[in-house]
Amino acid sequence: MNALWITIALVVAGFMGWPVTALVFRLARTIDDKADAAGKADQDASAQDPSADVTVDTLAAAPPAQTGQTVDGELTAGAGQPTSDVTQPVPAQRILRGGAIIGVLERLGVCLAILAGQPVAIAYIVAVKGLGRFAELKETPVAAERFIIGTLTSMLWAAGTAAIAKVFFLS
């Protein structure tokens, strides 16, 4: 019977945590939107979707070079020919890719660590996740904020689910 409760706890912690995390992202976005309402009138529709798996940072457009090589998605050599003044749209850089899958694995790991009586393993999960995202978090403040909100929400959901299962069903 314990195996059934452990399985149910893992499923609830791992797969039901995403709607909770999406709700917290939506609440955080609502608070940010109210604070930034005066300066952010023209937000992108994809940036307003808090349940989207990716956060997008737009790249600043590089000033167009008059001759030689330019980079606009691909390297093009103009061998002394002037480049046109038509500016290409700058592609957006996707950040925190794979967050939904990483979140599920993180919640499963946290829940399993608590159910197994090894809460120290949570430190390893956080360390691996933080080291894996370090370069991206260092470069992009939006990614760092989303990382912190998502990680704390996921861990609290998984820890709460594991604690409830352990206290009420596995005693």
Protein backbone atom coordinates (compact mmCIF):
# COMPACT_ATOMS: atom_id res chain seq x y z
CA MET A 1 0.00 0.00 0.00
CA ASN A 2 2.93 2.33 0.69
CA ALA A 3 4.12 1.92 -2.89
CA LEU A 4 0.76 3.17 -4.13
CA TRP A 5 0.87 6.27 -1.92
CA ILE A 6 4.46 6.99 -2.93
CA THR A 7 3.51 6.68 -6.61
CA ILE A 8 0.52 8.97 -6.16
CA ALA A 9 2.66 11.50 -4.29
CA LEU A 10 5.28 11.46 -7.06
CA VAL A 11 2.67 11.93 -9.78
CA VAL A 12 0.99 14.80 -7.93
CA ALA A 13 4.30 16.45 -7.08
CA GLY A 14 5.86 16.00 -10.49
CA PHE A 15 3.01 16.59 -12.90
CA MET A 16 0.49 18.70 -10.97
CA GLY A 17 3.12 21.25 -10.02
CA TRP A 18 3.21 22.92 -13.43
CA PRO A 19 -0.28 24.50 -13.14
CA VAL A 20 0.68 25.80 -9.70
CA THR A 21 3.92 27.24 -11.06
CA ALA A 22 2.07 28.80 -14.02
CA LEU A 23 -0.36 30.43 -11.58
CA VAL A 24 2.52 31.90 -9.56
CA PHE A 25 4.12 33.19 -12.80
CA ARG A 26 0.78 34.79 -13.72
CA LEU A 27 0.53 36.44 -10.30
CA ALA A 28 4.11 37.70 -10.53
CA ARG A 29 3.46 39.04 -14.02
CA THR A 30 0.27 40.80 -12.83
CA ILE A 31 2.17 42.48 -10.01
CA ASP A 32 4.98 43.49 -12.40
CA ASP A 33 2.50 44.74 -15.00
CA LYS A 34 0.76 46.96 -12.48
CA ALA A 35 4.10 48.37 -11.37
CA ASP A 36 5.31 48.95 -14.93
CA ALA A 37 1.98 49.97 -16.49
CA ALA A 38 3.13 53.48 -17.32
CA GLY A 39 6.24 52.43 -19.23
CA LYS A 40 5.18 49.20 -20.92
CA ALA A 41 2.25 49.93 -23.20
CA ASP A 42 3.39 47.86 -26.16
CA GLN A 43 4.27 44.42 -24.79
CA ASP A 44 4.57 41.41 -27.04
CA ALA A 45 1.66 38.95 -26.85
CA SER A 46 4.01 36.04 -26.16
CA ALA A 47 5.60 37.92 -23.27
CA GLN A 48 2.15 38.25 -21.66
CA ASP A 49 1.54 34.49 -21.56
CA PRO A 50 2.79 33.42 -18.10
CA SER A 51 2.26 29.75 -18.83
CA ALA A 52 4.63 29.77 -21.81
CA ASP A 53 7.61 27.52 -21.30
CA VAL A 54 10.11 30.03 -22.61
CA THR A 55 10.94 33.58 -21.78
CA VAL A 56 12.21 35.65 -24.68
CA ASP A 57 14.77 38.43 -24.60
CA THR A 58 15.06 40.53 -27.72
CA LEU A 59 18.54 41.16 -28.99
CA ALA A 60 19.72 44.66 -29.68
CA ALA A 61 20.20 45.34 -33.37
CA ALA A 62 23.81 45.80 -34.41
CA PRO A 63 24.56 48.96 -36.39
CA PRO A 64 24.75 48.12 -40.09
CA ALA A 65 28.23 48.13 -41.56
CA GLN A 66 28.78 50.02 -44.78
CA THR A 67 31.21 47.60 -46.40
CA GLY A 68 32.75 44.21 -45.78
CA GLN A 69 31.17 41.48 -43.74
CA THR A 70 27.93 41.83 -41.83
CA VAL A 71 26.15 39.47 -39.55
CA ASP A 72 22.36 39.30 -39.90
CA GLY A 73 21.45 35.78 -38.95
CA GLU A 74 24.20 34.37 -41.17
CA LEU A 75 27.67 35.56 -42.09
CA THR A 76 27.60 37.24 -45.48
CA ALA A 77 30.66 38.56 -47.21
CA GLY A 78 30.21 41.58 -49.45
CA ALA A 79 33.80 41.85 -50.78
CA GLY A 80 33.87 45.62 -50.73
CA GLN A 81 30.25 46.07 -51.82
CA PRO A 82 28.15 48.40 -49.70
CA THR A 83 25.37 46.76 -47.78
CA SER A 84 21.78 47.93 -48.11
CA ASP A 85 20.30 50.21 -45.49
CA VAL A 86 17.32 47.90 -45.07
CA THR A 87 17.47 46.52 -41.55
CA GLN A 88 16.56 42.92 -40.98
CA PRO A 89 14.36 42.07 -38.00
CA VAL A 90 16.52 40.89 -35.14
CA PRO A 91 15.69 37.34 -33.97
CA ALA A 92 14.70 36.79 -30.37
CA GLN A 93 16.86 34.65 -28.13
CA ARG A 94 15.01 31.88 -26.30
CA ILE A 95 16.03 31.54 -22.69
CA LEU A 96 15.35 28.88 -20.07
CA ARG A 97 14.57 26.27 -22.70
CA GLY A 98 13.42 22.94 -21.34
CA GLY A 99 12.10 24.50 -18.16
CA ALA A 100 8.95 22.39 -18.01
CA ILE A 101 10.86 19.11 -18.22
CA ILE A 102 13.50 20.29 -15.79
CA GLY A 103 10.72 21.39 -13.43
CA VAL A 104 9.05 17.98 -13.51
CA LEU A 105 12.37 16.26 -12.80
CA GLU A 106 13.14 18.73 -10.03
CA ARG A 107 9.77 18.17 -8.34
CA LEU A 108 10.14 14.39 -8.64
CA GLY A 109 13.61 14.57 -7.12
CA VAL A 110 12.54 16.80 -4.23
CA CYS A 111 9.50 14.66 -3.46
CA LEU A 112 11.52 11.45 -3.62
CA ALA A 113 14.25 12.91 -1.41
CA ILE A 114 11.75 13.83 1.30
CA LEU A 115 9.87 10.55 1.07
CA ALA A 116 13.16 8.65 1.33
CA GLY A 117 14.16 10.67 4.39
CA GLN A 118 17.13 12.27 2.59
CA PRO A 119 16.36 16.01 2.47
CA VAL A 120 20.07 16.73 1.93
CA ALA A 121 19.58 15.48 -1.64
CA ILE A 122 17.54 18.64 -2.30
CA ALA A 123 20.77 20.63 -2.04
CA TYR A 124 22.25 18.53 -4.84
CA ILE A 125 19.20 19.11 -7.01
CA VAL A 126 19.40 22.88 -6.51
CA ALA A 127 23.16 22.88 -7.11
CA VAL A 128 22.94 20.92 -10.35
CA LYS A 129 20.08 23.07 -11.61
CA GLY A 130 21.85 26.31 -10.69
CA LEU A 131 25.17 25.28 -12.22
CA GLY A 132 23.46 24.14 -15.40
CA ARG A 133 21.75 27.51 -15.80
CA PHE A 134 24.52 29.73 -14.41
CA ALA A 135 25.75 31.31 -17.66
CA GLU A 136 22.21 32.04 -18.84
CA LEU A 137 21.19 33.49 -15.48
CA LYS A 138 24.26 35.69 -15.32
CA GLU A 139 23.54 37.25 -18.72
CA THR A 140 19.78 37.73 -18.47
CA PRO A 141 18.00 39.28 -15.47
CA VAL A 142 14.61 38.14 -16.80
CA ALA A 143 15.86 34.55 -16.80
CA ALA A 144 17.21 34.89 -13.26
CA GLU A 145 13.89 36.17 -11.96
CA ARG A 146 11.93 33.43 -13.72
CA PHE A 147 14.41 30.81 -12.48
CA ILE A 148 14.02 31.88 -8.85
CA ILE A 149 10.23 32.07 -8.98
CA GLY A 150 9.90 28.74 -10.77
CA THR A 151 12.41 26.92 -8.59
CA LEU A 152 10.93 28.10 -5.30
CA THR A 153 7.37 27.36 -6.41
CA SER A 154 8.29 23.90 -7.69
CA MET A 155 10.24 23.00 -4.59
CA LEU A 156 7.54 24.20 -2.22
CA TRP A 157 4.89 22.25 -4.14
CA ALA A 158 6.98 19.07 -4.14
CA ALA A 159 7.98 19.41 -0.49
CA GLY A 160 4.38 20.08 0.55
CA THR A 161 3.09 17.11 -1.43
CA ALA A 162 5.76 14.83 0.04
CA ALA A 163 5.12 16.09 3.57
CA ILE A 164 1.37 15.53 3.27
CA ALA A 165 1.90 12.03 1.87
CA LYS A 166 4.41 11.17 4.56
CA VAL A 167 2.35 12.48 7.47
CA PHE A 168 -1.11 11.30 6.44
CA PHE A 169 -0.53 8.21 4.34
CA LEU A 170 2.89 6.73 5.12
CA SER A 171 2.93 6.93 8.92
